[in-house]
PDB file of all heavy atoms in Angstrom:
ATOM      1  N   VAL A   1       0.828  -1.182  -0.009  1.00  0.00           N
ATOM      2  CA  VAL A   1       0.002  -0.002  -0.009  1.00  0.00           C
ATOM      3  C   VAL A   1       0.909   1.269   0.019  1.00  0.00           C
ATOM      4  O   VAL A   1       0.626   2.201  -0.740  1.00  0.00           O
ATOM      5  CB  VAL A   1      -1.007  -0.010   1.198  1.00  0.00           C
ATOM      6  CG1 VAL A   1      -1.602   1.335   1.367  1.00  0.00           C
ATOM      7  CG2 VAL A   1      -2.059  -1.067   0.987  1.00  0.00           C
ATOM      8  N   ALA A   2       1.962   1.292   0.842  1.00  0.00           N
ATOM      9  CA  ALA A   2       2.818   2.457   0.887  1.00  0.00           C
ATOM     10  C   ALA A   2       3.434   2.610  -0.468  1.00  0.00           C
ATOM     11  O   ALA A   2       3.626   3.755  -0.972  1.00  0.00           O
ATOM     12  CB  ALA A   2       3.896   2.252   1.960  1.00  0.00           C
ATOM     13  N   SER A   3       3.917   1.565  -1.100  1.00  0.00           N
ATOM     14  CA  SER A   3       4.593   1.681  -2.448  1.00  0.00           C
ATOM     15  C   SER A   3       3.584   2.245  -3.442  1.00  0.00           C
ATOM     16  O   SER A   3       3.931   3.099  -4.287  1.00  0.00           O
ATOM     17  CB  SER A   3       5.076   0.314  -2.910  1.00  0.00           C
ATOM     18  OG  SER A   3       6.087  -0.186  -2.060  1.00  0.00           O
ATOM     19  N   ALA A   4       2.361   1.752  -3.427  1.00  0.00           N
ATOM     20  CA  ALA A   4       1.376   2.267  -4.421  1.00  0.00           C
ATOM     21  C   ALA A   4       1.138   3.723  -4.201  1.00  0.00           C
ATOM     22  O   ALA A   4       0.938   4.493  -5.127  1.00  0.00           O
ATOM     23  CB  ALA A   4       0.058   1.445  -4.196  1.00  0.00           C
ATOM     24  N   LEU A   5       1.037   4.149  -2.953  1.00  0.00           N
ATOM     25  CA  LEU A   5       0.824   5.537  -2.669  1.00  0.00           C
ATOM     26  C   LEU A   5       1.906   6.379  -3.141  1.00  0.00           C
ATOM     27  O   LEU A   5       1.784   7.505  -3.762  1.00  0.00           O
ATOM     28  CB  LEU A   5       0.615   5.799  -1.140  1.00  0.00           C
ATOM     29  CG  LEU A   5      -0.704   5.360  -0.643  1.00  0.00           C
ATOM     30  CD1 LEU A   5      -0.746   5.470   0.941  1.00  0.00           C
ATOM     31  CD2 LEU A   5      -1.858   6.162  -1.214  1.00  0.00           C
ATOM     32  N   VAL A   6       3.211   5.947  -2.952  1.00  0.00           N
ATOM     33  CA  VAL A   6       4.390   6.707  -3.419  1.00  0.00           C
ATOM     34  C   VAL A   6       4.336   6.782  -4.919  1.00  0.00           C
ATOM     35  O   VAL A   6       4.610   7.865  -5.527  1.00  0.00           O
ATOM     36  CB  VAL A   6       5.699   6.048  -2.917  1.00  0.00           C
ATOM     37  CG1 VAL A   6       6.887   6.595  -3.667  1.00  0.00           C
ATOM     38  CG2 VAL A   6       5.816   6.214  -1.405  1.00  0.00           C
ATOM     39  N   ILE A   7       4.081   5.669  -5.596  1.00  0.00           N
ATOM     40  CA  ILE A   7       4.112   5.650  -7.064  1.00  0.00           C
ATOM     41  C   ILE A   7       2.943   6.537  -7.527  1.00  0.00           C
ATOM     42  O   ILE A   7       3.119   7.345  -8.485  1.00  0.00           O
ATOM     43  CB  ILE A   7       3.868   4.168  -7.630  1.00  0.00           C
ATOM     44  CG1 ILE A   7       5.208   3.453  -7.350  1.00  0.00           C
ATOM     45  CG2 ILE A   7       3.583   4.214  -9.097  1.00  0.00           C
ATOM     46  CD1 ILE A   7       5.131   1.955  -7.542  1.00  0.00           C
ATOM     47  N   GLY A   8       1.797   6.476  -6.955  1.00  0.00           N
ATOM     48  CA  GLY A   8       0.649   7.327  -7.385  1.00  0.00           C
ATOM     49  C   GLY A   8       0.924   8.756  -7.164  1.00  0.00           C
ATOM     50  O   GLY A   8       0.666   9.572  -8.032  1.00  0.00           O
ATOM     51  N   LEU A   9       1.535   9.178  -6.054  1.00  0.00           N
ATOM     52  CA  LEU A   9       1.876  10.607  -5.829  1.00  0.00           C
ATOM     53  C   LEU A   9       2.920  11.066  -6.813  1.00  0.00           C
ATOM     54  O   LEU A   9       2.847  12.153  -7.320  1.00  0.00           O
ATOM     55  CB  LEU A   9       2.259  10.802  -4.413  1.00  0.00           C
ATOM     56  CG  LEU A   9       1.155  10.644  -3.299  1.00  0.00           C
ATOM     57  CD1 LEU A   9       1.784  10.663  -1.942  1.00  0.00           C
ATOM     58  CD2 LEU A   9       0.095  11.648  -3.503  1.00  0.00           C
ATOM     59  N   ALA A  10       3.921  10.180  -7.058  1.00  0.00           N
ATOM     60  CA  ALA A  10       4.946  10.577  -8.001  1.00  0.00           C
ATOM     61  C   ALA A  10       4.402  10.731  -9.381  1.00  0.00           C
ATOM     62  O   ALA A  10       4.761  11.651 -10.103  1.00  0.00           O
ATOM     63  CB  ALA A  10       6.095   9.584  -7.981  1.00  0.00           C
ATOM     64  N   GLY A  11       3.439   9.880  -9.764  1.00  0.00           N
ATOM     65  CA  GLY A  11       2.844   9.960 -11.100  1.00  0.00           C
ATOM     66  C   GLY A  11       2.114  11.263 -11.314  1.00  0.00           C
ATOM     67  O   GLY A  11       2.077  11.745 -12.353  1.00  0.00           O
ATOM     68  N   THR A  12       1.453  11.770 -10.306  1.00  0.00           N
ATOM     69  CA  THR A  12       0.648  12.964 -10.467  1.00  0.00           C
ATOM     70  C   THR A  12       1.622  14.252 -10.539  1.00  0.00           C
ATOM     71  O   THR A  12       1.216  15.194 -11.072  1.00  0.00           O
ATOM     72  CB  THR A  12      -0.379  13.205  -9.353  1.00  0.00           C
ATOM     73  OG1 THR A  12       0.323  13.261  -8.106  1.00  0.00           O
ATOM     74  CG2 THR A  12      -1.405  12.097  -9.349  1.00  0.00           C
ATOM     75  N   ALA A  13       2.789  14.119  -9.977  1.00  0.00           N
ATOM     76  CA  ALA A  13       3.680  15.262  -9.866  1.00  0.00           C
ATOM     77  C   ALA A  13       4.549  15.356 -11.176  1.00  0.00           C
ATOM     78  O   ALA A  13       5.095  16.391 -11.419  1.00  0.00           O
ATOM     79  CB  ALA A  13       4.578  15.164  -8.676  1.00  0.00           C
ATOM     80  N   SER A  14       4.714  14.272 -11.876  1.00  0.00           N
ATOM     81  CA  SER A  14       5.615  14.226 -13.017  1.00  0.00           C
ATOM     82  C   SER A  14       4.924  14.876 -14.253  1.00  0.00           C
ATOM     83  O   SER A  14       3.703  14.962 -14.294  1.00  0.00           O
ATOM     84  CB  SER A  14       6.081  12.836 -13.318  1.00  0.00           C
ATOM     85  OG  SER A  14       5.012  12.013 -13.664  1.00  0.00           O
ATOM     86  N   ALA A  15       5.703  15.211 -15.229  1.00  0.00           N
ATOM     87  CA  ALA A  15       5.235  15.763 -16.469  1.00  0.00           C
ATOM     88  C   ALA A  15       4.650  14.687 -17.402  1.00  0.00           C
ATOM     89  O   ALA A  15       4.994  13.532 -17.296  1.00  0.00           O
ATOM     90  CB  ALA A  15       6.341  16.499 -17.144  1.00  0.00           C
ATOM     91  N   ALA A  16       3.684  15.058 -18.218  1.00  0.00           N
ATOM     92  CA  ALA A  16       3.138  14.186 -19.248  1.00  0.00           C
ATOM     93  C   ALA A  16       3.558  14.710 -20.591  1.00  0.00           C
ATOM     94  O   ALA A  16       3.584  15.936 -20.788  1.00  0.00           O
ATOM     95  CB  ALA A  16       1.648  14.162 -19.136  1.00  0.00           C
ATOM     96  N   THR A  17       4.002  13.835 -21.483  1.00  0.00           N
ATOM     97  CA  THR A  17       4.409  14.250 -22.768  1.00  0.00           C
ATOM     98  C   THR A  17       3.586  13.477 -23.793  1.00  0.00           C
ATOM     99  O   THR A  17       3.412  12.246 -23.652  1.00  0.00           O
ATOM    100  CB  THR A  17       5.914  13.866 -23.013  1.00  0.00           C
ATOM    101  OG1 THR A  17       6.686  14.582 -22.007  1.00  0.00           O
ATOM    102  CG2 THR A  17       6.422  14.234 -24.395  1.00  0.00           C
ATOM    103  N   ILE A  18       3.042  14.199 -24.819  1.00  0.00           N
ATOM    104  CA  ILE A  18       2.209  13.650 -25.810  1.00  0.00           C
ATOM    105  C   ILE A  18       2.845  13.912 -27.226  1.00  0.00           C
ATOM    106  O   ILE A  18       2.886  15.123 -27.538  1.00  0.00           O
ATOM    107  CB  ILE A  18       0.794  14.183 -25.727  1.00  0.00           C
ATOM    108  CG1 ILE A  18       0.155  13.824 -24.366  1.00  0.00           C
ATOM    109  CG2 ILE A  18      -0.052  13.624 -26.871  1.00  0.00           C
ATOM    110  CD1 ILE A  18      -1.138  14.567 -24.171  1.00  0.00           C
ATOM    111  N   GLY A  19       3.168  12.903 -27.937  1.00  0.00           N
ATOM    112  CA  GLY A  19       3.551  13.128 -29.309  1.00  0.00           C
ATOM    113  C   GLY A  19       2.205  13.097 -30.132  1.00  0.00           C
ATOM    114  O   GLY A  19       1.377  12.280 -29.880  1.00  0.00           O
ATOM    115  N   PHE A  20       2.040  14.025 -31.054  1.00  0.00           N
ATOM    116  CA  PHE A  20       0.828  14.069 -31.800  1.00  0.00           C
ATOM    117  C   PHE A  20       1.009  14.185 -33.270  1.00  0.00           C
ATOM    118  O   PHE A  20       2.016  14.679 -33.753  1.00  0.00           O
ATOM    119  CB  PHE A  20      -0.133  15.189 -31.318  1.00  0.00           C
ATOM    120  CG  PHE A  20       0.452  16.601 -31.493  1.00  0.00           C
ATOM    121  CD1 PHE A  20       0.151  17.301 -32.589  1.00  0.00           C
ATOM    122  CD2 PHE A  20       1.258  17.160 -30.512  1.00  0.00           C
ATOM    123  CE1 PHE A  20       0.685  18.642 -32.783  1.00  0.00           C
ATOM    124  CE2 PHE A  20       1.730  18.488 -30.726  1.00  0.00           C
ATOM    125  CZ  PHE A  20       1.469  19.219 -31.828  1.00  0.00           C
ATOM    126  N   ASN A  21       0.076  13.654 -34.073  1.00  0.00           N
ATOM    127  CA  ASN A  21       0.044  13.752 -35.492  1.00  0.00           C
ATOM    128  C   ASN A  21      -1.362  13.557 -35.922  1.00  0.00           C
ATOM    129  O   ASN A  21      -2.014  12.538 -35.579  1.00  0.00           O
ATOM    130  CB  ASN A  21       0.931  12.600 -36.039  1.00  0.00           C
ATOM    131  CG  ASN A  21       1.067  12.739 -37.591  1.00  0.00           C
ATOM    132  OD1 ASN A  21       0.088  12.466 -38.327  1.00  0.00           O
ATOM    133  ND2 ASN A  21       2.210  13.174 -38.042  1.00  0.00           N
ATOM    134  N   GLN A  22      -1.954  14.509 -36.598  1.00  0.00           N
ATOM    135  CA  GLN A  22      -3.367  14.433 -36.948  1.00  0.00           C
ATOM    136  C   GLN A  22      -3.570  15.189 -38.270  1.00  0.00           C
ATOM    137  O   GLN A  22      -2.851  16.151 -38.585  1.00  0.00           O
ATOM    138  CB  GLN A  22      -4.249  15.056 -35.884  1.00  0.00           C
ATOM    139  CG  GLN A  22      -5.696  14.947 -36.138  1.00  0.00           C
ATOM    140  CD  GLN A  22      -6.214  13.479 -36.185  1.00  0.00           C
ATOM    141  OE1 GLN A  22      -6.159  12.928 -37.240  1.00  0.00           O
ATOM    142  NE2 GLN A  22      -6.541  12.906 -35.021  1.00  0.00           N
ATOM    143  N   THR A  23      -4.574  14.842 -39.051  1.00  0.00           N
ATOM    144  CA  THR A  23      -4.968  15.536 -40.305  1.00  0.00           C
ATOM    145  C   THR A  23      -6.319  16.156 -40.097  1.00  0.00           C
ATOM    146  O   THR A  23      -7.115  15.714 -39.213  1.00  0.00           O
ATOM    147  CB  THR A  23      -5.053  14.557 -41.508  1.00  0.00           C
ATOM    148  OG1 THR A  23      -6.002  13.631 -41.254  1.00  0.00           O
ATOM    149  CG2 THR A  23      -3.689  13.969 -41.842  1.00  0.00           C
ATOM    150  N   SER A  24      -6.556  17.221 -40.830  1.00  0.00           N
ATOM    151  CA  SER A  24      -7.870  17.841 -40.828  1.00  0.00           C
ATOM    152  C   SER A  24      -8.872  16.786 -41.447  1.00  0.00           C
ATOM    153  O   SER A  24      -8.420  15.815 -42.026  1.00  0.00           O
ATOM    154  CB  SER A  24      -7.918  19.141 -41.632  1.00  0.00           C
ATOM    155  OG  SER A  24      -7.479  18.842 -42.975  1.00  0.00           O
ATOM    156  N   THR A  25     -10.155  17.084 -41.203  1.00  0.00           N
ATOM    157  CA  THR A  25     -11.177  16.084 -41.774  1.00  0.00           C
ATOM    158  C   THR A  25     -11.145  16.026 -43.300  1.00  0.00           C
ATOM    159  O   THR A  25     -11.429  14.962 -43.844  1.00  0.00           O
ATOM    160  CB  THR A  25     -12.546  16.418 -41.349  1.00  0.00           C
ATOM    161  OG1 THR A  25     -12.931  17.728 -41.774  1.00  0.00           O
ATOM    162  CG2 THR A  25     -12.680  16.363 -39.765  1.00  0.00           C
ATOM    163  N   SER A  26     -10.606  17.000 -44.009  1.00  0.00           N
ATOM    164  CA  SER A  26     -10.427  17.004 -45.436  1.00  0.00           C
ATOM    165  C   SER A  26      -9.189  16.247 -45.875  1.00  0.00           C
ATOM    166  O   SER A  26      -9.050  15.868 -47.038  1.00  0.00           O
ATOM    167  CB  SER A  26     -10.382  18.386 -46.008  1.00  0.00           C
ATOM    168  OG  SER A  26      -9.150  19.042 -45.684  1.00  0.00           O
ATOM    169  N   GLY A  27      -8.267  16.131 -44.933  1.00  0.00           N
ATOM    170  CA  GLY A  27      -6.907  15.517 -45.263  1.00  0.00           C
ATOM    171  C   GLY A  27      -5.974  16.483 -45.901  1.00  0.00           C
ATOM    172  O   GLY A  27      -4.855  16.141 -46.262  1.00  0.00           O
ATOM    173  N   LYS A  28      -6.360  17.735 -46.043  1.00  0.00           N
ATOM    174  CA  LYS A  28      -5.463  18.723 -46.703  1.00  0.00           C
ATOM    175  C   LYS A  28      -4.459  19.254 -45.782  1.00  0.00           C
ATOM    176  O   LYS A  28      -3.374  19.741 -46.235  1.00  0.00           O
ATOM    177  CB  LYS A  28      -6.291  19.867 -47.240  1.00  0.00           C
ATOM    178  CG  LYS A  28      -7.212  19.512 -48.385  1.00  0.00           C
ATOM    179  CD  LYS A  28      -7.996  20.728 -48.847  1.00  0.00           C
ATOM    180  CE  LYS A  28      -8.946  20.379 -49.981  1.00  0.00           C
ATOM    181  NZ  LYS A  28      -9.615  21.595 -50.459  1.00  0.00           N
ATOM    182  N   ALA A  29      -4.649  19.302 -44.411  1.00  0.00           N
ATOM    183  CA  ALA A  29      -3.717  19.821 -43.448  1.00  0.00           C
ATOM    184  C   ALA A  29      -3.320  18.722 -42.534  1.00  0.00           C
ATOM    185  O   ALA A  29      -4.079  17.798 -42.199  1.00  0.00           O
ATOM    186  CB  ALA A  29      -4.347  20.920 -42.702  1.00  0.00           C
ATOM    187  N   GLU A  30      -2.047  18.713 -42.133  1.00  0.00           N
ATOM    188  CA  GLU A  30      -1.441  17.775 -41.157  1.00  0.00           C
ATOM    189  C   GLU A  30      -0.673  18.539 -40.102  1.00  0.00           C
ATOM    190  O   GLU A  30       0.068  19.438 -40.409  1.00  0.00           O
ATOM    191  CB  GLU A  30      -0.594  16.818 -41.867  1.00  0.00           C
ATOM    192  CG  GLU A  30       0.028  15.744 -40.968  1.00  0.00           C
ATOM    193  CD  GLU A  30       0.919  14.741 -41.623  1.00  0.00           C
ATOM    194  OE1 GLU A  30       1.364  15.012 -42.732  1.00  0.00           O
ATOM    195  OE2 GLU A  30       1.130  13.658 -41.061  1.00  0.00           O
ATOM    196  N   ILE A  31      -0.975  18.183 -38.838  1.00  0.00           N
ATOM    197  CA  ILE A  31      -0.219  18.759 -37.719  1.00  0.00           C
ATOM    198  C   ILE A  31       0.564  17.709 -36.994  1.00  0.00           C
ATOM    199  O   ILE A  31       0.128  16.539 -36.970  1.00  0.00           O
ATOM    200  CB  ILE A  31      -1.142  19.579 -36.723  1.00  0.00           C
ATOM    201  CG1 ILE A  31      -2.113  18.674 -36.014  1.00  0.00           C
ATOM    202  CG2 ILE A  31      -1.803  20.744 -37.459  1.00  0.00           C
ATOM    203  CD1 ILE A  31      -2.750  19.239 -34.801  1.00  0.00           C
ATOM    204  N   SER A  32       1.657  18.077 -36.395  1.00  0.00           N
ATOM    205  CA  SER A  32       2.469  17.114 -35.594  1.00  0.00           C
ATOM    206  C   SER A  32       3.323  17.905 -34.630  1.00  0.00           C
ATOM    207  O   SER A  32       3.497  19.115 -34.726  1.00  0.00           O
ATOM    208  CB  SER A  32       3.303  16.267 -36.587  1.00  0.00           C
ATOM    209  OG  SER A  32       4.230  17.073 -37.279  1.00  0.00           O
ATOM    210  N   GLY A  33       3.913  17.181 -33.734  1.00  0.00           N
ATOM    211  CA  GLY A  33       4.831  17.778 -32.777  1.00  0.00           C
ATOM    212  C   GLY A  33       4.765  17.041 -31.393  1.00  0.00           C
ATOM    213  O   GLY A  33       4.261  15.968 -31.318  1.00  0.00           O
ATOM    214  N   THR A  34       5.289  17.696 -30.369  1.00  0.00           N
ATOM    215  CA  THR A  34       5.270  17.154 -29.063  1.00  0.00           C
ATOM    216  C   THR A  34       4.689  18.198 -28.051  1.00  0.00           C
ATOM    217  O   THR A  34       5.120  19.362 -28.111  1.00  0.00           O
ATOM    218  CB  THR A  34       6.687  16.766 -28.586  1.00  0.00           C
ATOM    219  OG1 THR A  34       7.202  15.862 -29.544  1.00  0.00           O
ATOM    220  CG2 THR A  34       6.732  16.178 -27.227  1.00  0.00           C
ATOM    221  N   TYR A  35       3.764  17.751 -27.273  1.00  0.00           N
ATOM    222  CA  TYR A  35       3.127  18.605 -26.274  1.00  0.00           C
ATOM    223  C   TYR A  35       3.453  18.042 -24.929  1.00  0.00           C
ATOM    224  O   TYR A  35       3.278  16.888 -24.658  1.00  0.00           O
ATOM    225  CB  TYR A  35       1.578  18.538 -26.503  1.00  0.00           C
ATOM    226  CG  TYR A  35       0.668  19.062 -25.379  1.00  0.00           C
ATOM    227  CD1 TYR A  35       0.856  20.366 -24.890  1.00  0.00           C
ATOM    228  CD2 TYR A  35      -0.260  18.233 -24.780  1.00  0.00           C
ATOM    229  CE1 TYR A  35       0.054  20.856 -23.921  1.00  0.00           C
ATOM    230  CE2 TYR A  35      -1.077  18.706 -23.751  1.00  0.00           C
ATOM    231  CZ  TYR A  35      -0.907  20.008 -23.352  1.00  0.00           C
ATOM    232  OH  TYR A  35      -1.727  20.466 -22.336  1.00  0.00           O
ATOM    233  N   GLU A  36       3.988  18.850 -23.958  1.00  0.00           N
ATOM    234  CA  GLU A  36       4.350  18.461 -22.643  1.00  0.00           C
ATOM    235  C   GLU A  36       3.654  19.438 -21.702  1.00  0.00           C
ATOM    236  O   GLU A  36       3.567  20.646 -21.942  1.00  0.00           O
ATOM    237  CB  GLU A  36       5.856  18.596 -22.486  1.00  0.00           C
ATOM    238  CG  GLU A  36       6.420  18.293 -21.046  1.00  0.00           C
ATOM    239  CD  GLU A  36       6.410  19.461 -20.155  1.00  0.00           C
ATOM    240  OE1 GLU A  36       6.624  20.585 -20.617  1.00  0.00           O
ATOM    241  OE2 GLU A  36       6.198  19.259 -19.000  1.00  0.00           O
ATOM    242  N   TYR A  37       3.192  18.855 -20.574  1.00  0.00           N
ATOM    243  CA  TYR A  37       2.592  19.744 -19.553  1.00  0.00           C
ATOM    244  C   TYR A  37       2.799  19.129 -18.180  1.00  0.00           C
ATOM    245  O   TYR A  37       3.076  17.928 -17.983  1.00  0.00           O
ATOM    246  CB  TYR A  37       1.063  19.887 -19.791  1.00  0.00           C
ATOM    247  CG  TYR A  37       0.257  18.634 -19.624  1.00  0.00           C
ATOM    248  CD1 TYR A  37      -0.375  18.390 -18.432  1.00  0.00           C
ATOM    249  CD2 TYR A  37       0.078  17.727 -20.655  1.00  0.00           C
ATOM    250  CE1 TYR A  37      -1.102  17.236 -18.198  1.00  0.00           C
ATOM    251  CE2 TYR A  37      -0.657  16.567 -20.443  1.00  0.00           C
ATOM    252  CZ  TYR A  37      -1.266  16.392 -19.256  1.00  0.00           C
ATOM    253  OH  TYR A  37      -1.924  15.213 -19.096  1.00  0.00           O
ATOM    254  N   HIS A  38       2.754  20.064 -17.166  1.00  0.00           N
ATOM    255  CA  HIS A  38       2.945  19.663 -15.804  1.00  0.00           C
ATOM    256  C   HIS A  38       2.157  20.648 -14.862  1.00  0.00           C
ATOM    257  O   HIS A  38       1.900  21.750 -15.279  1.00  0.00           O
ATOM    258  CB  HIS A  38       4.425  19.615 -15.423  1.00  0.00           C
ATOM    259  CG  HIS A  38       5.108  20.894 -15.622  1.00  0.00           C
ATOM    260  ND1 HIS A  38       5.616  21.326 -16.786  1.00  0.00           N
ATOM    261  CD2 HIS A  38       5.344  21.905 -14.703  1.00  0.00           C
ATOM    262  CE1 HIS A  38       6.148  22.505 -16.641  1.00  0.00           C
ATOM    263  NE2 HIS A  38       5.934  22.903 -15.374  1.00  0.00           N
TER     264      HIS A  38
END
């Protein structure tokens, strides 16, 4: 239980990184990159 709490608390404090790649619904535009937040 103590280990789970430590892992859970550390998980909420760390940054999240999302690599993204998407096209518009027409397929004419494409976006990509990396989004990070904390």
